[in-house]
């Protein structure tokens, strides 16, 4: 296999990896939020409420950011064209 064909194959594999990542993102986000809710409920009475709320807020903010990136990816071709940016 020549270098150009190898490079094209690498690019196509990377593009498919990124597509797979974004395809499963809504499901993983829902699972992360559900797990954080369950853990928060289990920690009530064991830790201060404000610590649980702060931790859950951080988890929720992280998951909201991931969903934002998902919608940006789905909505526009710009990210799909720039694989290095979409992979970050």
PDB file of N, CA and C in Angstrom:
ATOM      1  N   UNK A   1       0.853  -1.176   0.000  1.00  0.00           N
ATOM      2  CA  UNK A   1       0.000   0.000   0.000  1.00  0.00           C
ATOM      3  C   UNK A   1       0.896   1.235   0.000  1.00  0.00           C
ATOM      4  N   UNK A   2       0.626   2.139  -0.935  1.00  0.00           N
ATOM      5  CA  UNK A   2       1.452   3.350  -1.015  1.00  0.00           C
ATOM      6  C   UNK A   2       1.055   4.337   0.090  1.00  0.00           C
ATOM      7  N   UNK A   3       1.879   5.339   0.274  1.00  0.00           N
ATOM      8  CA  UNK A   3       1.693   6.294   1.377  1.00  0.00           C
ATOM      9  C   UNK A   3       0.384   7.062   1.265  1.00  0.00           C
ATOM     10  N   UNK A   4      -0.012   7.445   0.056  1.00  0.00           N
ATOM     11  CA  UNK A   4      -1.251   8.202  -0.122  1.00  0.00           C
ATOM     12  C   UNK A   4      -2.460   7.353   0.246  1.00  0.00           C
ATOM     13  N   UNK A   5      -2.480   6.110  -0.166  1.00  0.00           N
ATOM     14  CA  UNK A   5      -3.603   5.221   0.157  1.00  0.00           C
ATOM     15  C   UNK A   5      -3.637   4.946   1.654  1.00  0.00           C
ATOM     16  N   UNK A   6      -2.466   4.771   2.253  1.00  0.00           N
ATOM     17  CA  UNK A   6      -2.388   4.537   3.693  1.00  0.00           C
ATOM     18  C   UNK A   6      -2.909   5.752   4.460  1.00  0.00           C
ATOM     19  N   UNK A   7      -2.528   6.940   4.018  1.00  0.00           N
ATOM     20  CA  UNK A   7      -2.975   8.173   4.653  1.00  0.00           C
ATOM     21  C   UNK A   7      -4.493   8.335   4.531  1.00  0.00           C
ATOM     22  N   UNK A   8      -5.035   8.023   3.355  1.00  0.00           N
ATOM     23  CA  UNK A   8      -6.484   8.110   3.159  1.00  0.00           C
ATOM     24  C   UNK A   8      -7.213   7.109   4.048  1.00  0.00           C
ATOM     25  N   UNK A   9      -6.686   5.906   4.172  1.00  0.00           N
ATOM     26  CA  UNK A   9      -7.294   4.898   5.037  1.00  0.00           C
ATOM     27  C   UNK A   9      -7.263   5.354   6.490  1.00  0.00           C
ATOM     28  N   UNK A  10      -6.146   5.906   6.933  1.00  0.00           N
ATOM     29  CA  UNK A  10      -6.047   6.428   8.300  1.00  0.00           C
ATOM     30  C   UNK A  10      -7.078   7.522   8.544  1.00  0.00           C
ATOM     31  N   UNK A  11      -7.233   8.424   7.580  1.00  0.00           N
ATOM     32  CA  UNK A  11      -8.204   9.510   7.725  1.00  0.00           C
ATOM     33  C   UNK A  11      -9.628   8.968   7.806  1.00  0.00           C
ATOM     34  N   UNK A  12      -9.949   7.986   6.984  1.00  0.00           N
ATOM     35  CA  UNK A  12     -11.301   7.402   7.009  1.00  0.00           C
ATOM     36  C   UNK A  12     -11.571   6.651   8.310  1.00  0.00           C
ATOM     37  N   UNK A  13     -10.556   5.948   8.816  1.00  0.00           N
ATOM     38  CA  UNK A  13     -10.708   5.246  10.092  1.00  0.00           C
ATOM     39  C   UNK A  13     -10.928   6.250  11.215  1.00  0.00           C
ATOM     40  N   UNK A  14     -10.134   7.314  11.232  1.00  0.00           N
ATOM     41  CA  UNK A  14     -10.280   8.353  12.270  1.00  0.00           C
ATOM     42  C   UNK A  14     -11.651   9.007  12.195  1.00  0.00           C
ATOM     43  N   UNK A  15     -12.133   9.279  10.982  1.00  0.00           N
ATOM     44  CA  UNK A  15     -13.459   9.883  10.814  1.00  0.00           C
ATOM     45  C   UNK A  15     -14.541   8.951  11.356  1.00  0.00           C
ATOM     46  N   UNK A  16     -14.420   7.669  11.119  1.00  0.00           N
ATOM     47  CA  UNK A  16     -15.419   6.715  11.629  1.00  0.00           C
ATOM     48  C   UNK A  16     -15.356   6.604  13.145  1.00  0.00           C
ATOM     49  N   UNK A  17     -14.175   6.653  13.717  1.00  0.00           N
ATOM     50  CA  UNK A  17     -14.045   6.641  15.172  1.00  0.00           C
ATOM     51  C   UNK A  17     -14.745   7.852  15.788  1.00  0.00           C
ATOM     52  N   UNK A  18     -14.569   9.002  15.178  1.00  0.00           N
ATOM     53  CA  UNK A  18     -15.200  10.225  15.690  1.00  0.00           C
ATOM     54  C   UNK A  18     -16.710  10.132  15.533  1.00  0.00           C
ATOM     55  N   UNK A  19     -17.192   9.641  14.391  1.00  0.00           N
ATOM     56  CA  UNK A  19     -18.642   9.469  14.199  1.00  0.00           C
ATOM     57  C   UNK A  19     -19.223   8.532  15.253  1.00  0.00           C
ATOM     58  N   UNK A  20     -18.532   7.450  15.538  1.00  0.00           N
ATOM     59  CA  UNK A  20     -19.009   6.506  16.552  1.00  0.00           C
ATOM     60  C   UNK A  20     -19.059   7.158  17.928  1.00  0.00           C
ATOM     61  N   UNK A  21     -18.059   7.952  18.253  1.00  0.00           N
ATOM     62  CA  UNK A  21     -18.032   8.657  19.532  1.00  0.00           C
ATOM     63  C   UNK A  21     -19.255   9.564  19.677  1.00  0.00           C
ATOM     64  N   UNK A  22     -19.523  10.362  18.650  1.00  0.00           N
ATOM     65  CA  UNK A  22     -20.649  11.282  18.723  1.00  0.00           C
ATOM     66  C   UNK A  22     -21.986  10.546  18.670  1.00  0.00           C
ATOM     67  N   UNK A  23     -22.052   9.425  17.983  1.00  0.00           N
ATOM     68  CA  UNK A  23     -23.299   8.665  17.883  1.00  0.00           C
ATOM     69  C   UNK A  23     -23.731   8.132  19.249  1.00  0.00           C
ATOM     70  N   UNK A  24     -22.807   7.712  20.077  1.00  0.00           N
ATOM     71  CA  UNK A  24     -23.151   7.137  21.373  1.00  0.00           C
ATOM     72  C   UNK A  24     -23.201   8.168  22.495  1.00  0.00           C
ATOM     73  N   UNK A  25     -22.851   9.406  22.205  1.00  0.00           N
ATOM     74  CA  UNK A  25     -22.759  10.432  23.234  1.00  0.00           C
ATOM     75  C   UNK A  25     -24.068  10.695  23.986  1.00  0.00           C
ATOM     76  N   UNK A  26     -25.246  10.802  23.337  1.00  0.00           N
ATOM     77  CA  UNK A  26     -26.466  11.039  24.117  1.00  0.00           C
ATOM     78  C   UNK A  26     -26.759   9.914  25.116  1.00  0.00           C
ATOM     79  N   UNK A  27     -26.503   8.684  24.728  1.00  0.00           N
ATOM     80  CA  UNK A  27     -26.750   7.561  25.626  1.00  0.00           C
ATOM     81  C   UNK A  27     -25.785   7.585  26.800  1.00  0.00           C
ATOM     82  N   UNK A  28     -24.519   7.832  26.545  1.00  0.00           N
ATOM     83  CA  UNK A  28     -23.553   7.868  27.646  1.00  0.00           C
ATOM     84  C   UNK A  28     -23.813   9.050  28.564  1.00  0.00           C
ATOM     85  N   UNK A  29     -24.265  10.153  28.017  1.00  0.00           N
ATOM     86  CA  UNK A  29     -24.583  11.317  28.843  1.00  0.00           C
ATOM     87  C   UNK A  29     -25.748  11.006  29.779  1.00  0.00           C
ATOM     88  N   UNK A  30     -26.774  10.372  29.252  1.00  0.00           N
ATOM     89  CA  UNK A  30     -27.916   9.988  30.091  1.00  0.00           C
ATOM     90  C   UNK A  30     -27.480   9.025  31.187  1.00  0.00           C
ATOM     91  N   UNK A  31     -26.627   8.081  30.854  1.00  0.00           N
ATOM     92  CA  UNK A  31     -26.125   7.142  31.859  1.00  0.00           C
ATOM     93  C   UNK A  31     -25.293   7.826  32.925  1.00  0.00           C
ATOM     94  N   UNK A  32     -24.480   8.785  32.529  1.00  0.00           N
ATOM     95  CA  UNK A  32     -23.673   9.521  33.504  1.00  0.00           C
ATOM     96  C   UNK A  32     -24.544  10.325  34.457  1.00  0.00           C
ATOM     97  N   UNK A  33     -25.573  10.971  33.930  1.00  0.00           N
ATOM     98  CA  UNK A  33     -26.483  11.745  34.790  1.00  0.00           C
ATOM     99  C   UNK A  33     -27.250  10.818  35.727  1.00  0.00           C
ATOM    100  N   UNK A  34     -27.733   9.689  35.204  1.00  0.00           N
ATOM    101  CA  UNK A  34     -28.463   8.729  36.047  1.00  0.00           C
ATOM    102  C   UNK A  34     -27.560   8.206  37.161  1.00  0.00           C
ATOM    103  N   UNK A  35     -26.328   7.867  36.829  1.00  0.00           N
ATOM    104  CA  UNK A  35     -25.388   7.390  37.847  1.00  0.00           C
ATOM    105  C   UNK A  35     -25.081   8.452  38.890  1.00  0.00           C
ATOM    106  N   UNK A  36     -24.927   9.694  38.446  1.00  0.00           N
ATOM    107  CA  UNK A  36     -24.652  10.792  39.382  1.00  0.00           C
ATOM    108  C   UNK A  36     -25.848  11.023  40.309  1.00  0.00           C
ATOM    109  N   UNK A  37     -27.065  10.908  39.763  1.00  0.00           N
ATOM    110  CA  UNK A  37     -28.258  11.049  40.605  1.00  0.00           C
ATOM    111  C   UNK A  37     -28.330   9.942  41.653  1.00  0.00           C
ATOM    112  N   UNK A  38     -28.063   8.712  41.231  1.00  0.00           N
ATOM    113  CA  UNK A  38     -28.092   7.587  42.177  1.00  0.00           C
ATOM    114  C   UNK A  38     -27.033   7.758  43.268  1.00  0.00           C
ATOM    115  N   UNK A  39     -25.839   8.134  42.878  1.00  0.00           N
ATOM    116  CA  UNK A  39     -24.782   8.324  43.866  1.00  0.00           C
ATOM    117  C   UNK A  39     -25.104   9.492  44.790  1.00  0.00           C
ATOM    118  N   UNK A  40     -25.660  10.558  44.242  1.00  0.00           N
ATOM    119  CA  UNK A  40     -26.055  11.694  45.084  1.00  0.00           C
ATOM    120  C   UNK A  40     -27.084  11.268  46.113  1.00  0.00           C
ATOM    121  N   UNK A  41     -28.069  10.480  45.675  1.00  0.00           N
ATOM    122  CA  UNK A  41     -29.085   9.986  46.607  1.00  0.00           C
ATOM    123  C   UNK A  41     -28.492   9.106  47.690  1.00  0.00           C
ATOM    124  N   UNK A  42     -27.519   8.279  47.308  1.00  0.00           N
ATOM    125  CA  UNK A  42     -26.886   7.392  48.289  1.00  0.00           C
ATOM    126  C   UNK A  42     -26.039   8.162  49.294  1.00  0.00           C
ATOM    127  N   UNK A  43     -25.523   9.310  48.899  1.00  0.00           N
ATOM    128  CA  UNK A  43     -24.644  10.086  49.777  1.00  0.00           C
ATOM    129  C   UNK A  43     -25.395  11.026  50.721  1.00  0.00           C
ATOM    130  N   UNK A  44     -26.697  11.183  50.505  1.00  0.00           N
ATOM    131  CA  UNK A  44     -27.473  12.067  51.388  1.00  0.00           C
ATOM    132  C   UNK A  44     -27.409  11.507  52.810  1.00  0.00           C
ATOM    133  N   UNK A  45     -27.065  12.340  53.733  1.00  0.00           N
ATOM    134  CA  UNK A  45     -26.909  11.927  55.125  1.00  0.00           C
ATOM    135  C   UNK A  45     -25.485  11.508  55.459  1.00  0.00           C
ATOM    136  N   UNK A  46     -24.701  11.200  54.443  1.00  0.00           N
ATOM    137  CA  UNK A  46     -23.307  10.809  54.660  1.00  0.00           C
ATOM    138  C   UNK A  46     -22.342  11.973  54.456  1.00  0.00           C
ATOM    139  N   UNK A  47     -22.727  12.886  53.585  1.00  0.00           N
ATOM    140  CA  UNK A  47     -21.904  14.046  53.265  1.00  0.00           C
ATOM    141  C   UNK A  47     -22.775  15.295  53.362  1.00  0.00           C
ATOM    142  N   UNK A  48     -22.162  16.469  53.512  1.00  0.00           N
ATOM    143  CA  UNK A  48     -22.958  17.708  53.553  1.00  0.00           C
ATOM    144  C   UNK A  48     -23.718  17.894  52.230  1.00  0.00           C
ATOM    145  N   UNK A  49     -24.948  18.387  52.334  1.00  0.00           N
ATOM    146  CA  UNK A  49     -25.783  18.550  51.139  1.00  0.00           C
ATOM    147  C   UNK A  49     -25.125  19.445  50.107  1.00  0.00           C
ATOM    148  N   UNK A  50     -24.420  20.490  50.577  1.00  0.00           N
ATOM    149  CA  UNK A  50     -23.803  21.430  49.637  1.00  0.00           C
ATOM    150  C   UNK A  50     -22.666  20.774  48.856  1.00  0.00           C
ATOM    151  N   UNK A  51     -21.954  19.827  49.478  1.00  0.00           N
ATOM    152  CA  UNK A  51     -20.879  19.131  48.772  1.00  0.00           C
ATOM    153  C   UNK A  51     -21.460  18.224  47.684  1.00  0.00           C
ATOM    154  N   UNK A  52     -22.551  17.549  48.022  1.00  0.00           N
ATOM    155  CA  UNK A  52     -23.224  16.685  47.040  1.00  0.00           C
ATOM    156  C   UNK A  52     -23.754  17.530  45.889  1.00  0.00           C
ATOM    157  N   UNK A  53     -24.393  18.657  46.228  1.00  0.00           N
ATOM    158  CA  UNK A  53     -24.951  19.540  45.204  1.00  0.00           C
ATOM    159  C   UNK A  53     -23.853  20.121  44.313  1.00  0.00           C
ATOM    160  N   UNK A  54     -22.730  20.496  44.916  1.00  0.00           N
ATOM    161  CA  UNK A  54     -21.625  21.049  44.125  1.00  0.00           C
ATOM    162  C   UNK A  54     -21.057  19.995  43.189  1.00  0.00           C
ATOM    163  N   UNK A  55     -20.865  18.784  43.702  1.00  0.00           N
ATOM    164  CA  UNK A  55     -20.342  17.702  42.864  1.00  0.00           C
ATOM    165  C   UNK A  55     -21.311  17.398  41.725  1.00  0.00           C
ATOM    166  N   UNK A  56     -22.593  17.275  42.046  1.00  0.00           N
ATOM    167  CA  UNK A  56     -23.572  16.985  41.008  1.00  0.00           C
ATOM    168  C   UNK A  56     -23.623  18.125  39.990  1.00  0.00           C
ATOM    169  N   UNK A  57     -23.513  19.351  40.447  1.00  0.00           N
ATOM    170  CA  UNK A  57     -23.493  20.496  39.532  1.00  0.00           C
ATOM    171  C   UNK A  57     -22.323  20.418  38.553  1.00  0.00           C
ATOM    172  N   UNK A  58     -21.176  19.993  39.049  1.00  0.00           N
ATOM    173  CA  UNK A  58     -20.004  19.834  38.165  1.00  0.00           C
ATOM    174  C   UNK A  58     -20.234  18.729  37.141  1.00  0.00           C
ATOM    175  N   UNK A  59     -20.801  17.618  37.580  1.00  0.00           N
ATOM    176  CA  UNK A  59     -21.110  16.520  36.659  1.00  0.00           C
ATOM    177  C   UNK A  59     -22.114  16.988  35.617  1.00  0.00           C
ATOM    178  N   UNK A  60     -23.160  17.672  36.060  1.00  0.00           N
ATOM    179  CA  UNK A  60     -24.191  18.149  35.144  1.00  0.00           C
ATOM    180  C   UNK A  60     -23.621  19.159  34.144  1.00  0.00           C
ATOM    181  N   UNK A  61     -22.754  20.046  34.607  1.00  0.00           N
ATOM    182  CA  UNK A  61     -22.141  21.026  33.702  1.00  0.00           C
ATOM    183  C   UNK A  61     -21.281  20.324  32.656  1.00  0.00           C
ATOM    184  N   UNK A  62     -20.530  19.328  33.075  1.00  0.00           N
ATOM    185  CA  UNK A  62     -19.701  18.568  32.141  1.00  0.00           C
ATOM    186  C   UNK A  62     -20.566  17.860  31.098  1.00  0.00           C
ATOM    187  N   UNK A  63     -21.649  17.264  31.534  1.00  0.00           N
ATOM    188  CA  UNK A  63     -22.525  16.551  30.605  1.00  0.00           C
ATOM    189  C   UNK A  63     -23.263  17.524  29.682  1.00  0.00           C
ATOM    190  N   UNK A  64     -23.614  18.696  30.192  1.00  0.00           N
ATOM    191  CA  UNK A  64     -24.245  19.710  29.346  1.00  0.00           C
ATOM    192  C   UNK A  64     -23.279  20.157  28.254  1.00  0.00           C
ATOM    193  N   UNK A  65     -21.999  20.317  28.601  1.00  0.00           N
ATOM    194  CA  UNK A  65     -20.991  20.693  27.607  1.00  0.00           C
ATOM    195  C   UNK A  65     -20.864  19.617  26.538  1.00  0.00           C
ATOM    196  N   UNK A  66     -20.853  18.358  26.958  1.00  0.00           N
ATOM    197  CA  UNK A  66     -20.775  17.258  25.997  1.00  0.00           C
ATOM    198  C   UNK A  66     -21.982  17.267  25.062  1.00  0.00           C
ATOM    199  N   UNK A  67     -23.176  17.517  25.599  1.00  0.00           N
ATOM    200  CA  UNK A  67     -24.364  17.581  24.738  1.00  0.00           C
ATOM    201  C   UNK A  67     -24.287  18.757  23.780  1.00  0.00           C
ATOM    202  N   UNK A  68     -23.777  19.885  24.247  1.00  0.00           N
ATOM    203  CA  UNK A  68     -23.593  21.036  23.374  1.00  0.00           C
ATOM    204  C   UNK A  68     -22.690  20.660  22.193  1.00  0.00           C
ATOM    205  N   UNK A  69     -21.564  20.025  22.486  1.00  0.00           N
ATOM    206  CA  UNK A  69     -20.655  19.603  21.421  1.00  0.00           C
ATOM    207  C   UNK A  69     -21.326  18.622  20.470  1.00  0.00           C
ATOM    208  N   UNK A  70     -22.156  17.747  21.009  1.00  0.00           N
ATOM    209  CA  UNK A  70     -22.897  16.797  20.178  1.00  0.00           C
ATOM    210  C   UNK A  70     -23.809  17.540  19.203  1.00  0.00           C
ATOM    211  N   UNK A  71     -24.565  18.515  19.707  1.00  0.00           N
ATOM    212  CA  UNK A  71     -25.489  19.244  18.836  1.00  0.00           C
ATOM    213  C   UNK A  71     -24.746  20.088  17.804  1.00  0.00           C
ATOM    214  N   UNK A  72     -23.605  20.639  18.184  1.00  0.00           N
ATOM    215  CA  UNK A  72     -22.782  21.372  17.215  1.00  0.00           C
ATOM    216  C   UNK A  72     -22.321  20.423  16.122  1.00  0.00           C
ATOM    217  N   UNK A  73     -21.891  19.234  16.512  1.00  0.00           N
ATOM    218  CA  UNK A  73     -21.419  18.238  15.536  1.00  0.00           C
ATOM    219  C   UNK A  73     -22.551  17.794  14.616  1.00  0.00           C
ATOM    220  N   UNK A  74     -23.703  17.491  15.186  1.00  0.00           N
ATOM    221  CA  UNK A  74     -24.831  17.006  14.387  1.00  0.00           C
ATOM    222  C   UNK A  74     -25.363  18.090  13.458  1.00  0.00           C
ATOM    223  N   UNK A  75     -25.403  19.316  13.952  1.00  0.00           N
ATOM    224  CA  UNK A  75     -26.016  20.406  13.190  1.00  0.00           C
ATOM    225  C   UNK A  75     -25.189  20.832  11.985  1.00  0.00           C
ATOM    226  N   UNK A  76     -23.887  20.836  12.122  1.00  0.00           N
ATOM    227  CA  UNK A  76     -23.101  21.433  11.054  1.00  0.00           C
ATOM    228  C   UNK A  76     -22.048  20.529  10.475  1.00  0.00           C
ATOM    229  N   UNK A  77     -21.756  20.762   9.234  1.00  0.00           N
ATOM    230  CA  UNK A  77     -20.713  20.013   8.558  1.00  0.00           C
ATOM    231  C   UNK A  77     -19.325  20.532   8.904  1.00  0.00           C
ATOM    232  N   UNK A  78     -19.271  21.728   9.504  1.00  0.00           N
ATOM    233  CA  UNK A  78     -17.976  22.330   9.791  1.00  0.00           C
ATOM    234  C   UNK A  78     -17.122  21.415  10.677  1.00  0.00           C
ATOM    235  N   UNK A  79     -17.702  20.909  11.748  1.00  0.00           N
ATOM    236  CA  UNK A  79     -16.949  20.030  12.624  1.00  0.00           C
ATOM    237  C   UNK A  79     -16.643  18.704  11.947  1.00  0.00           C
ATOM    238  N   UNK A  80     -17.571  18.207  11.159  1.00  0.00           N
ATOM    239  CA  UNK A  80     -17.327  16.936  10.478  1.00  0.00           C
ATOM    240  C   UNK A  80     -16.207  17.060   9.453  1.00  0.00           C
ATOM    241  N   UNK A  81     -16.034  18.255   8.890  1.00  0.00           N
ATOM    242  CA  UNK A  81     -14.961  18.478   7.934  1.00  0.00           C
ATOM    243  C   UNK A  81     -13.609  18.617   8.631  1.00  0.00           C
ATOM    244  N   UNK A  82     -13.607  19.185   9.836  1.00  0.00           N
ATOM    245  CA  UNK A  82     -12.379  19.399  10.601  1.00  0.00           C
ATOM    246  C   UNK A  82     -12.270  18.318  11.673  1.00  0.00           C
ATOM    247  N   UNK A  83     -11.730  17.159  11.292  1.00  0.00           N
ATOM    248  CA  UNK A  83     -11.690  16.018  12.197  1.00  0.00           C
ATOM    249  C   UNK A  83     -10.845  16.275  13.437  1.00  0.00           C
ATOM    250  N   UNK A  84      -9.761  17.012  13.290  1.00  0.00           N
ATOM    251  CA  UNK A  84      -8.919  17.253  14.456  1.00  0.00           C
ATOM    252  C   UNK A  84      -9.676  18.083  15.507  1.00  0.00           C
ATOM    253  N   UNK A  85     -10.495  19.007  15.061  1.00  0.00           N
ATOM    254  CA  UNK A  85     -11.285  19.818  16.002  1.00  0.00           C
ATOM    255  C   UNK A  85     -12.404  18.991  16.606  1.00  0.00           C
ATOM    256  N   UNK A  86     -13.059  18.160  15.812  1.00  0.00           N
ATOM    257  CA  UNK A  86     -14.148  17.332  16.317  1.00  0.00           C
ATOM    258  C   UNK A  86     -13.666  16.309  17.332  1.00  0.00           C
ATOM    259  N   UNK A  87     -12.417  15.897  17.217  1.00  0.00           N
ATOM    260  CA  UNK A  87     -11.879  14.882  18.119  1.00  0.00           C
ATOM    261  C   UNK A  87     -11.460  15.441  19.469  1.00  0.00           C
ATOM    262  N   UNK A  88     -11.406  16.744  19.621  1.00  0.00           N
ATOM    263  CA  UNK A  88     -10.925  17.323  20.876  1.00  0.00           C
ATOM    264  C   UNK A  88     -11.963  17.314  21.913  1.00  0.00           C
TER     265      UNK A  88
END
